[in-house]
Amino acid sequence: MAEIVNLNKARKEKTRADEKSKAAENRVRFGRRKSDKRVDEARQEKAVRDLAGHRLLPDDQE
């Protein structure tokens, strides 16, 4: 015979699991120190400058 399941408990358990996975995802996305954010921003700016430096024509001649 099948096991009897309380649907309210199953629903709450699923909600908790979803919230827990969302919290873990947010910790990865937003849980960084200010210095780490600055390093990433500086790297991004350098990449943009390097890419612009490899252009054949300056921006004003396009």
PDB file of N, CA and C in Angstrom:
ATOM      1  N   MET A   1       0.823  -1.176   0.000  1.00  0.00           N
ATOM      2  CA  MET A   1       0.000   0.000   0.000  1.00  0.00           C
ATOM      3  C   MET A   1       0.873   1.248   0.000  1.00  0.00           C
ATOM      4  N   ALA A   2       0.355   2.302  -0.534  1.00  0.00           N
ATOM      5  CA  ALA A   2       1.104   3.553  -0.632  1.00  0.00           C
ATOM      6  C   ALA A   2       1.163   4.250   0.720  1.00  0.00           C
ATOM      7  N   GLU A   3       2.198   5.044   0.875  1.00  0.00           N
ATOM      8  CA  GLU A   3       2.372   5.789   2.121  1.00  0.00           C
ATOM      9  C   GLU A   3       1.471   7.022   2.090  1.00  0.00           C
ATOM     10  N   ILE A   4       0.829   7.296   3.203  1.00  0.00           N
ATOM     11  CA  ILE A   4      -0.046   8.455   3.299  1.00  0.00           C
ATOM     12  C   ILE A   4       0.823   9.694   3.505  1.00  0.00           C
ATOM     13  N   VAL A   5       0.546  10.725   2.699  1.00  0.00           N
ATOM     14  CA  VAL A   5       1.344  11.948   2.757  1.00  0.00           C
ATOM     15  C   VAL A   5       0.432  13.121   3.090  1.00  0.00           C
ATOM     16  N   ASN A   6       0.847  13.893   4.080  1.00  0.00           N
ATOM     17  CA  ASN A   6       0.125  15.110   4.411  1.00  0.00           C
ATOM     18  C   ASN A   6       0.544  16.169   3.393  1.00  0.00           C
ATOM     19  N   LEU A   7      -0.406  16.613   2.578  1.00  0.00           N
ATOM     20  CA  LEU A   7      -0.086  17.536   1.493  1.00  0.00           C
ATOM     21  C   LEU A   7       0.415  18.886   2.003  1.00  0.00           C
ATOM     22  N   ASN A   8      -0.093  19.340   3.148  1.00  0.00           N
ATOM     23  CA  ASN A   8       0.390  20.606   3.703  1.00  0.00           C
ATOM     24  C   ASN A   8       1.864  20.505   4.069  1.00  0.00           C
ATOM     25  N   LYS A   9       2.255  19.402   4.690  1.00  0.00           N
ATOM     26  CA  LYS A   9       3.659  19.224   5.061  1.00  0.00           C
ATOM     27  C   LYS A   9       4.539  19.091   3.824  1.00  0.00           C
ATOM     28  N   ALA A  10       4.052  18.384   2.815  1.00  0.00           N
ATOM     29  CA  ALA A  10       4.823  18.220   1.584  1.00  0.00           C
ATOM     30  C   ALA A  10       5.005  19.569   0.886  1.00  0.00           C
ATOM     31  N   ARG A  11       3.956  20.372   0.865  1.00  0.00           N
ATOM     32  CA  ARG A  11       4.028  21.693   0.238  1.00  0.00           C
ATOM     33  C   ARG A  11       5.018  22.588   0.979  1.00  0.00           C
ATOM     34  N   LYS A  12       4.939  22.587   2.308  1.00  0.00           N
ATOM     35  CA  LYS A  12       5.850  23.410   3.102  1.00  0.00           C
ATOM     36  C   LYS A  12       7.295  22.941   2.949  1.00  0.00           C
ATOM     37  N   GLU A  13       7.495  21.648   2.898  1.00  0.00           N
ATOM     38  CA  GLU A  13       8.844  21.104   2.729  1.00  0.00           C
ATOM     39  C   GLU A  13       9.427  21.515   1.372  1.00  0.00           C
ATOM     40  N   LYS A  14       8.602  21.467   0.332  1.00  0.00           N
ATOM     41  CA  LYS A  14       9.059  21.881  -0.999  1.00  0.00           C
ATOM     42  C   LYS A  14       9.386  23.368  -1.008  1.00  0.00           C
ATOM     43  N   THR A  15       8.552  24.185  -0.361  1.00  0.00           N
ATOM     44  CA  THR A  15       8.797  25.628  -0.289  1.00  0.00           C
ATOM     45  C   THR A  15      10.103  25.916   0.429  1.00  0.00           C
ATOM     46  N   ARG A  16      10.348  25.223   1.542  1.00  0.00           N
ATOM     47  CA  ARG A  16      11.598  25.417   2.286  1.00  0.00           C
ATOM     48  C   ARG A  16      12.805  25.050   1.436  1.00  0.00           C
ATOM     49  N   ALA A  17      12.714  23.960   0.699  1.00  0.00           N
ATOM     50  CA  ALA A  17      13.824  23.528  -0.148  1.00  0.00           C
ATOM     51  C   ALA A  17      14.085  24.556  -1.253  1.00  0.00           C
ATOM     52  N   ASP A  18      13.013  25.090  -1.845  1.00  0.00           N
ATOM     53  CA  ASP A  18      13.167  26.114  -2.883  1.00  0.00           C
ATOM     54  C   ASP A  18      13.815  27.374  -2.321  1.00  0.00           C
ATOM     55  N   GLU A  19      13.374  27.801  -1.130  1.00  0.00           N
ATOM     56  CA  GLU A  19      13.944  28.994  -0.505  1.00  0.00           C
ATOM     57  C   GLU A  19      15.407  28.782  -0.148  1.00  0.00           C
ATOM     58  N   LYS A  20      15.726  27.575   0.292  1.00  0.00           N
ATOM     59  CA  LYS A  20      17.109  27.272   0.660  1.00  0.00           C
ATOM     60  C   LYS A  20      18.022  27.322  -0.565  1.00  0.00           C
ATOM     61  N   SER A  21      17.560  26.780  -1.688  1.00  0.00           N
ATOM     62  CA  SER A  21      18.380  26.818  -2.899  1.00  0.00           C
ATOM     63  C   SER A  21      18.513  28.247  -3.423  1.00  0.00           C
ATOM     64  N   LYS A  22      17.453  29.033  -3.315  1.00  0.00           N
ATOM     65  CA  LYS A  22      17.505  30.445  -3.729  1.00  0.00           C
ATOM     66  C   LYS A  22      18.485  31.221  -2.852  1.00  0.00           C
ATOM     67  N   ALA A  23      18.498  30.944  -1.548  1.00  0.00           N
ATOM     68  CA  ALA A  23      19.423  31.617  -0.635  1.00  0.00           C
ATOM     69  C   ALA A  23      20.861  31.256  -0.965  1.00  0.00           C
ATOM     70  N   ALA A  24      21.112  30.005  -1.296  1.00  0.00           N
ATOM     71  CA  ALA A  24      22.466  29.585  -1.661  1.00  0.00           C
ATOM     72  C   ALA A  24      22.913  30.287  -2.941  1.00  0.00           C
ATOM     73  N   GLU A  25      22.017  30.409  -3.890  1.00  0.00           N
ATOM     74  CA  GLU A  25      22.333  31.102  -5.142  1.00  0.00           C
ATOM     75  C   GLU A  25      22.640  32.576  -4.880  1.00  0.00           C
ATOM     76  N   ASN A  26      21.857  33.214  -4.015  1.00  0.00           N
ATOM     77  CA  ASN A  26      22.084  34.623  -3.695  1.00  0.00           C
ATOM     78  C   ASN A  26      23.393  34.825  -2.939  1.00  0.00           C
ATOM     79  N   ARG A  27      23.778  33.879  -2.103  1.00  0.00           N
ATOM     80  CA  ARG A  27      25.063  33.986  -1.402  1.00  0.00           C
ATOM     81  C   ARG A  27      26.207  34.006  -2.396  1.00  0.00           C
ATOM     82  N   VAL A  28      26.086  33.221  -3.446  1.00  0.00           N
ATOM     83  CA  VAL A  28      27.134  33.192  -4.463  1.00  0.00           C
ATOM     84  C   VAL A  28      27.126  34.487  -5.266  1.00  0.00           C
ATOM     85  N   ARG A  29      25.943  34.965  -5.635  1.00  0.00           N
ATOM     86  CA  ARG A  29      25.856  36.149  -6.491  1.00  0.00           C
ATOM     87  C   ARG A  29      26.205  37.437  -5.757  1.00  0.00           C
ATOM     88  N   PHE A  30      25.705  37.600  -4.539  1.00  0.00           N
ATOM     89  CA  PHE A  30      25.811  38.883  -3.859  1.00  0.00           C
ATOM     90  C   PHE A  30      26.712  38.857  -2.633  1.00  0.00           C
ATOM     91  N   GLY A  31      27.162  37.711  -2.213  1.00  0.00           N
ATOM     92  CA  GLY A  31      27.934  37.605  -0.983  1.00  0.00           C
ATOM     93  C   GLY A  31      29.418  37.778  -1.204  1.00  0.00           C
ATOM     94  N   ARG A  32      29.809  38.900  -1.765  1.00  0.00           N
ATOM     95  CA  ARG A  32      31.228  39.141  -2.018  1.00  0.00           C
ATOM     96  C   ARG A  32      31.667  40.377  -1.250  1.00  0.00           C
ATOM     97  N   ARG A  33      32.949  40.396  -0.914  1.00  0.00           N
ATOM     98  CA  ARG A  33      33.484  41.554  -0.219  1.00  0.00           C
ATOM     99  C   ARG A  33      33.625  42.714  -1.197  1.00  0.00           C
ATOM    100  N   LYS A  34      33.695  43.897  -0.625  1.00  0.00           N
ATOM    101  CA  LYS A  34      33.816  45.097  -1.446  1.00  0.00           C
ATOM    102  C   LYS A  34      35.101  45.061  -2.263  1.00  0.00           C
ATOM    103  N   SER A  35      36.178  44.560  -1.667  1.00  0.00           N
ATOM    104  CA  SER A  35      37.451  44.493  -2.390  1.00  0.00           C
ATOM    105  C   SER A  35      37.356  43.545  -3.584  1.00  0.00           C
ATOM    106  N   ASP A  36      36.633  42.443  -3.431  1.00  0.00           N
ATOM    107  CA  ASP A  36      36.447  41.513  -4.549  1.00  0.00           C
ATOM    108  C   ASP A  36      35.663  42.173  -5.682  1.00  0.00           C
ATOM    109  N   LYS A  37      34.648  42.947  -5.310  1.00  0.00           N
ATOM    110  CA  LYS A  37      33.855  43.649  -6.323  1.00  0.00           C
ATOM    111  C   LYS A  37      34.715  44.658  -7.071  1.00  0.00           C
ATOM    112  N   ARG A  38      35.577  45.370  -6.341  1.00  0.00           N
ATOM    113  CA  ARG A  38      36.450  46.358  -6.978  1.00  0.00           C
ATOM    114  C   ARG A  38      37.430  45.691  -7.935  1.00  0.00           C
ATOM    115  N   VAL A  39      37.982  44.544  -7.534  1.00  0.00           N
ATOM    116  CA  VAL A  39      38.916  43.823  -8.401  1.00  0.00           C
ATOM    117  C   VAL A  39      38.215  43.393  -9.684  1.00  0.00           C
ATOM    118  N   ASP A  40      37.017  42.842  -9.564  1.00  0.00           N
ATOM    119  CA  ASP A  40      36.262  42.421 -10.751  1.00  0.00           C
ATOM    120  C   ASP A  40      35.935  43.613 -11.651  1.00  0.00           C
ATOM    121  N   GLU A  41      35.567  44.735 -11.035  1.00  0.00           N
ATOM    122  CA  GLU A  41      35.246  45.926 -11.817  1.00  0.00           C
ATOM    123  C   GLU A  41      36.485  46.438 -12.549  1.00  0.00           C
ATOM    124  N   ALA A  42      37.635  46.431 -11.876  1.00  0.00           N
ATOM    125  CA  ALA A  42      38.878  46.884 -12.505  1.00  0.00           C
ATOM    126  C   ALA A  42      39.265  45.969 -13.663  1.00  0.00           C
ATOM    127  N   ARG A  43      39.090  44.676 -13.493  1.00  0.00           N
ATOM    128  CA  ARG A  43      39.393  43.728 -14.571  1.00  0.00           C
ATOM    129  C   ARG A  43      38.493  43.969 -15.779  1.00  0.00           C
ATOM    130  N   GLN A  44      37.218  44.221 -15.511  1.00  0.00           N
ATOM    131  CA  GLN A  44      36.266  44.475 -16.594  1.00  0.00           C
ATOM    132  C   GLN A  44      36.640  45.750 -17.341  1.00  0.00           C
ATOM    133  N   GLU A  45      36.989  46.802 -16.599  1.00  0.00           N
ATOM    134  CA  GLU A  45      37.376  48.059 -17.240  1.00  0.00           C
ATOM    135  C   GLU A  45      38.637  47.876 -18.078  1.00  0.00           C
ATOM    136  N   LYS A  46      39.599  47.108 -17.583  1.00  0.00           N
ATOM    137  CA  LYS A  46      40.834  46.856 -18.328  1.00  0.00           C
ATOM    138  C   LYS A  46      40.535  46.083 -19.607  1.00  0.00           C
ATOM    139  N   ALA A  47      39.640  45.113 -19.525  1.00  0.00           N
ATOM    140  CA  ALA A  47      39.278  44.345 -20.715  1.00  0.00           C
ATOM    141  C   ALA A  47      38.651  45.253 -21.773  1.00  0.00           C
ATOM    142  N   VAL A  48      37.807  46.179 -21.347  1.00  0.00           N
ATOM    143  CA  VAL A  48      37.179  47.114 -22.285  1.00  0.00           C
ATOM    144  C   VAL A  48      38.239  48.015 -22.908  1.00  0.00           C
ATOM    145  N   ARG A  49      39.171  48.518 -22.095  1.00  0.00           N
ATOM    146  CA  ARG A  49      40.239  49.380 -22.622  1.00  0.00           C
ATOM    147  C   ARG A  49      41.122  48.625 -23.602  1.00  0.00           C
ATOM    148  N   ASP A  50      41.478  47.381 -23.255  1.00  0.00           N
ATOM    149  CA  ASP A  50      42.321  46.575 -24.143  1.00  0.00           C
ATOM    150  C   ASP A  50      41.626  46.310 -25.473  1.00  0.00           C
ATOM    151  N   LEU A  51      40.342  46.010 -25.413  1.00  0.00           N
ATOM    152  CA  LEU A  51      39.582  45.757 -26.632  1.00  0.00           C
ATOM    153  C   LEU A  51      39.499  47.023 -27.486  1.00  0.00           C
ATOM    154  N   ALA A  52      39.276  48.153 -26.844  1.00  0.00           N
ATOM    155  CA  ALA A  52      39.210  49.419 -27.576  1.00  0.00           C
ATOM    156  C   ALA A  52      40.572  49.756 -28.179  1.00  0.00           C
ATOM    157  N   GLY A  53      41.644  49.353 -27.535  1.00  0.00           N
ATOM    158  CA  GLY A  53      42.981  49.622 -28.044  1.00  0.00           C
ATOM    159  C   GLY A  53      43.307  48.826 -29.292  1.00  0.00           C
ATOM    160  N   HIS A  54      42.612  47.750 -29.525  1.00  0.00           N
ATOM    161  CA  HIS A  54      42.866  46.911 -30.694  1.00  0.00           C
ATOM    162  C   HIS A  54      42.022  47.307 -31.904  1.00  0.00           C
ATOM    163  N   ARG A  55      41.217  48.347 -31.762  1.00  0.00           N
ATOM    164  CA  ARG A  55      40.389  48.796 -32.885  1.00  0.00           C
ATOM    165  C   ARG A  55      41.262  49.374 -33.987  1.00  0.00           C
ATOM    166  N   LEU A  56      40.835  49.179 -35.200  1.00  0.00           N
ATOM    167  CA  LEU A  56      41.564  49.720 -36.340  1.00  0.00           C
ATOM    168  C   LEU A  56      41.259  51.201 -36.538  1.00  0.00           C
ATOM    169  N   LEU A  57      40.020  51.597 -36.283  1.00  0.00           N
ATOM    170  CA  LEU A  57      39.619  52.993 -36.424  1.00  0.00           C
ATOM    171  C   LEU A  57      39.220  53.540 -35.058  1.00  0.00           C
ATOM    172  N   PRO A  58      39.559  54.768 -34.765  1.00  0.00           N
ATOM    173  CA  PRO A  58      39.093  55.370 -33.509  1.00  0.00           C
ATOM    174  C   PRO A  58      37.570  55.479 -33.492  1.00  0.00           C
ATOM    175  N   ASP A  59      36.999  55.664 -32.314  1.00  0.00           N
ATOM    176  CA  ASP A  59      35.542  55.726 -32.168  1.00  0.00           C
ATOM    177  C   ASP A  59      34.922  56.882 -32.942  1.00  0.00           C
ATOM    178  N   ASP A  60      35.615  58.016 -33.058  1.00  0.00           N
ATOM    179  CA  ASP A  60      35.019  59.176 -33.712  1.00  0.00           C
ATOM    180  C   ASP A  60      34.951  59.045 -35.233  1.00  0.00           C
ATOM    181  N   GLN A  61      35.638  58.088 -35.832  1.00  0.00           N
ATOM    182  CA  GLN A  61      35.614  57.922 -37.286  1.00  0.00           C
ATOM    183  C   GLN A  61      34.609  56.877 -37.751  1.00  0.00           C
ATOM    184  N   GLU A  62      33.903  56.267 -36.859  1.00  0.00           N
ATOM    185  CA  GLU A  62      32.951  55.227 -37.253  1.00  0.00           C
ATOM    186  C   GLU A  62      31.689  55.797 -37.820  1.00  0.00           C
TER     187      GLU A  62
END
